């Protein structure tokens, strides 16, 4: 399931699983408790857009490689 979307919905609806998973089912990201191809595509697009969280930290993560 699209984890980023689940986190956004959890922030909006609190810990109400009916609202969270009902919304994911309604938009087609999930069907029951299974992720749909649409949900997997949403997750891939989000990951590509956001990128790796440590991509630009260079010398801070690896001081010897930052020279």
Protein backbone atom coordinates (compact mmCIF):
# COMPACT_ATOMS: atom_id res chain seq x y z
CA UNK A 1 0.00 0.00 0.00
CA UNK A 2 1.20 3.55 -0.53
CA UNK A 3 2.87 4.21 2.81
CA UNK A 4 3.19 7.96 2.19
CA UNK A 5 -0.54 8.20 1.56
CA UNK A 6 -1.38 6.09 4.58
CA UNK A 7 0.76 8.42 6.74
CA UNK A 8 -1.01 11.51 5.35
CA UNK A 9 -4.41 9.98 6.01
CA UNK A 10 -3.37 8.92 9.51
CA UNK A 11 -2.30 12.52 10.24
CA UNK A 12 -5.66 13.78 8.99
CA UNK A 13 -8.00 11.18 10.51
CA UNK A 14 -6.02 10.14 13.57
CA UNK A 15 -5.99 6.45 14.34
CA UNK A 16 -9.32 5.67 12.64
CA UNK A 17 -8.63 2.60 10.46
CA UNK A 18 -12.07 2.74 8.83
CA UNK A 19 -11.40 6.22 7.48
CA UNK A 20 -7.81 5.46 6.43
CA UNK A 21 -8.30 2.13 4.69
CA UNK A 22 -11.77 3.06 3.45
CA UNK A 23 -10.27 6.04 1.64
CA UNK A 24 -7.45 3.92 0.20
CA UNK A 25 -10.02 1.38 -1.03
CA UNK A 26 -12.26 4.08 -2.47
CA UNK A 27 -9.50 5.74 -4.53
CA UNK A 28 -8.34 2.35 -5.80
CA UNK A 29 -4.95 2.16 -4.10
CA UNK A 30 -6.05 -0.96 -2.22
CA UNK A 31 -8.67 -3.65 -2.63
CA UNK A 32 -9.50 -5.06 0.76
CA UNK A 33 -6.14 -5.66 2.42
CA UNK A 34 -4.19 -6.05 -0.86
CA UNK A 35 -2.35 -3.34 -2.74
CA UNK A 36 -3.53 -2.78 -6.31
CA UNK A 37 -1.27 -2.01 -9.28
CA UNK A 38 -2.53 1.58 -9.05
CA UNK A 39 -1.35 1.79 -5.43
CA UNK A 40 2.06 0.34 -6.34
CA UNK A 41 2.39 2.87 -9.16
CA UNK A 42 1.49 5.70 -6.77
CA UNK A 43 4.22 4.54 -4.38
CA UNK A 44 6.83 4.30 -7.17
CA UNK A 45 5.97 7.78 -8.48
CA UNK A 46 6.17 9.23 -4.98
CA UNK A 47 9.55 7.60 -4.34
CA UNK A 48 10.90 8.86 -7.67
CA UNK A 49 9.66 12.38 -6.95
CA UNK A 50 10.97 12.51 -3.38
CA UNK A 51 14.17 10.61 -4.09
CA UNK A 52 16.59 9.21 -1.59
CA UNK A 53 16.51 11.19 1.66
CA UNK A 54 20.31 11.22 1.99
CA UNK A 55 21.14 11.94 -1.64
CA UNK A 56 22.62 15.42 -1.08
CA UNK A 57 24.38 14.94 2.25
CA UNK A 58 27.69 13.76 0.71
CA UNK A 59 30.45 14.80 3.08
CA UNK A 60 28.17 14.72 6.11
CA UNK A 61 27.48 11.01 5.72
CA UNK A 62 30.95 10.14 4.43
CA UNK A 63 33.52 12.72 5.60
CA UNK A 64 36.37 11.05 3.67
CA UNK A 65 34.39 11.00 0.42
CA UNK A 66 33.40 14.67 0.62
CA UNK A 67 36.83 15.98 -0.34
